[in-house]
Amino acid sequence: MDTTIRNIDERAYRELKARAALAGKTMGEMVNEAVRAYLARPELLPKRGSLEDLEPEPYPEGNERLSEEIDAVVYGA
């Protein structure tokens, strides 16, 4: 994909361009590597929770027979 990226730090860009040349790589290859490395950082991954982490909430008053009422609607009981 061809794209334009604005507001790149000029000094960082020059250093990356020099490293790309020394490594025999294109700027696109270097940017792709940098983006992939950034995305792979564990602190950026969404935290996975567990059902055990959830706190139960009480049903509001008047819903004591809610499951029976749902069964009546769904199954015609």
C-alpha atoms as a PDB file:
ATOM      1  CA  MET A   1       0.000   0.000   0.000  1.00  0.00           C
ATOM      2  CA  ASP A   2       1.294   3.442  -0.830  1.00  0.00           C
ATOM      3  CA  THR A   3       0.583   6.134   1.721  1.00  0.00           C
ATOM      4  CA  THR A   4       1.737   9.518   2.931  1.00  0.00           C
ATOM      5  CA  ILE A   5       2.563  10.040   6.589  1.00  0.00           C
ATOM      6  CA  ARG A   6       2.726  13.608   7.861  1.00  0.00           C
ATOM      7  CA  ASN A   7       4.497  15.134  10.853  1.00  0.00           C
ATOM      8  CA  ILE A   8       7.322  12.576  11.059  1.00  0.00           C
ATOM      9  CA  ASP A   9      10.206  13.727  13.231  1.00  0.00           C
ATOM     10  CA  GLU A  10      12.884  14.705  10.690  1.00  0.00           C
ATOM     11  CA  ARG A  11      15.798  13.439  12.768  1.00  0.00           C
ATOM     12  CA  ALA A  12      14.138  10.063  13.415  1.00  0.00           C
ATOM     13  CA  TYR A  13      13.284   9.772   9.720  1.00  0.00           C
ATOM     14  CA  ARG A  14      16.880  10.408   8.662  1.00  0.00           C
ATOM     15  CA  GLU A  15      18.198   7.884  11.179  1.00  0.00           C
ATOM     16  CA  LEU A  16      15.723   5.241  10.034  1.00  0.00           C
ATOM     17  CA  LYS A  17      16.575   5.960   6.391  1.00  0.00           C
ATOM     18  CA  ALA A  18      20.295   5.549   7.158  1.00  0.00           C
ATOM     19  CA  ARG A  19      19.697   2.281   9.001  1.00  0.00           C
ATOM     20  CA  ALA A  20      17.547   1.029   6.149  1.00  0.00           C
ATOM     21  CA  ALA A  21      20.356   1.747   3.700  1.00  0.00           C
ATOM     22  CA  LEU A  22      22.913  -0.014   5.906  1.00  0.00           C
ATOM     23  CA  ALA A  23      20.619  -3.026   6.220  1.00  0.00           C
ATOM     24  CA  GLY A  24      19.889  -3.087   2.485  1.00  0.00           C
ATOM     25  CA  LYS A  25      16.179  -2.537   3.121  1.00  0.00           C
ATOM     26  CA  THR A  26      13.633  -0.075   1.853  1.00  0.00           C
ATOM     27  CA  MET A  27      11.999   2.516   4.066  1.00  0.00           C
ATOM     28  CA  GLY A  28       8.724   0.658   3.615  1.00  0.00           C
ATOM     29  CA  GLU A  29      10.278  -2.532   4.973  1.00  0.00           C
ATOM     30  CA  MET A  30      11.711  -0.668   7.951  1.00  0.00           C
ATOM     31  CA  VAL A  31       8.443   1.096   8.741  1.00  0.00           C
ATOM     32  CA  ASN A  32       6.546  -2.201   8.479  1.00  0.00           C
ATOM     33  CA  GLU A  33       8.991  -3.811  10.920  1.00  0.00           C
ATOM     34  CA  ALA A  34       8.639  -0.911  13.330  1.00  0.00           C
ATOM     35  CA  VAL A  35       4.842  -0.956  13.180  1.00  0.00           C
ATOM     36  CA  ARG A  36       4.712  -4.735  13.697  1.00  0.00           C
ATOM     37  CA  ALA A  37       7.122  -4.499  16.641  1.00  0.00           C
ATOM     38  CA  TYR A  38       5.021  -1.743  18.198  1.00  0.00           C
ATOM     39  CA  LEU A  39       1.782  -3.697  17.772  1.00  0.00           C
ATOM     40  CA  ALA A  40       3.327  -6.823  19.287  1.00  0.00           C
ATOM     41  CA  ARG A  41       4.174  -5.076  22.570  1.00  0.00           C
ATOM     42  CA  PRO A  42       2.317  -6.922  25.328  1.00  0.00           C
ATOM     43  CA  GLU A  43       1.292  -3.771  27.174  1.00  0.00           C
ATOM     44  CA  LEU A  44      -0.700  -2.716  24.107  1.00  0.00           C
ATOM     45  CA  LEU A  45      -2.715  -5.918  23.894  1.00  0.00           C
ATOM     46  CA  PRO A  46      -6.239  -5.699  25.243  1.00  0.00           C
ATOM     47  CA  LYS A  47      -6.481  -7.071  28.734  1.00  0.00           C
ATOM     48  CA  ARG A  48      -8.371 -10.303  28.913  1.00  0.00           C
ATOM     49  CA  GLY A  49     -10.627 -10.654  31.846  1.00  0.00           C
ATOM     50  CA  SER A  50     -12.290 -13.624  33.348  1.00  0.00           C
ATOM     51  CA  LEU A  51     -15.850 -14.242  34.409  1.00  0.00           C
ATOM     52  CA  GLU A  52     -14.398 -14.735  37.865  1.00  0.00           C
ATOM     53  CA  ASP A  53     -13.397 -11.049  37.835  1.00  0.00           C
ATOM     54  CA  LEU A  54     -17.013  -9.922  37.522  1.00  0.00           C
ATOM     55  CA  GLU A  55     -18.912  -8.862  40.600  1.00  0.00           C
ATOM     56  CA  PRO A  56     -22.504 -10.126  40.807  1.00  0.00           C
ATOM     57  CA  GLU A  57     -25.222  -7.502  40.812  1.00  0.00           C
ATOM     58  CA  PRO A  58     -28.535  -8.028  42.553  1.00  0.00           C
ATOM     59  CA  TYR A  59     -31.691  -7.989  40.451  1.00  0.00           C
ATOM     60  CA  PRO A  60     -33.918  -5.030  41.161  1.00  0.00           C
ATOM     61  CA  GLU A  61     -36.979  -5.594  43.321  1.00  0.00           C
ATOM     62  CA  GLY A  62     -39.894  -7.197  41.498  1.00  0.00           C
ATOM     63  CA  ASN A  63     -37.781  -9.491  39.282  1.00  0.00           C
ATOM     64  CA  GLU A  64     -37.703 -12.524  41.569  1.00  0.00           C
ATOM     65  CA  ARG A  65     -39.695 -14.625  39.056  1.00  0.00           C
ATOM     66  CA  LEU A  66     -38.061 -13.198  35.938  1.00  0.00           C
ATOM     67  CA  SER A  67     -36.754 -16.527  34.607  1.00  0.00           C
ATOM     68  CA  GLU A  68     -40.206 -18.094  35.030  1.00  0.00           C
ATOM     69  CA  GLU A  69     -41.798 -15.190  33.177  1.00  0.00           C
ATOM     70  CA  ILE A  70     -39.270 -15.535  30.344  1.00  0.00           C
ATOM     71  CA  ASP A  71     -39.969 -19.286  30.125  1.00  0.00           C
ATOM     72  CA  ALA A  72     -43.684 -18.543  29.880  1.00  0.00           C
ATOM     73  CA  VAL A  73     -43.089 -16.163  26.971  1.00  0.00           C
ATOM     74  CA  VAL A  74     -40.596 -18.383  25.148  1.00  0.00           C
ATOM     75  CA  TYR A  75     -42.099 -21.805  25.787  1.00  0.00           C
ATOM     76  CA  GLY A  76     -45.718 -20.886  26.486  1.00  0.00           C
ATOM     77  CA  ALA A  77     -45.633 -22.473  29.924  1.00  0.00           C
END
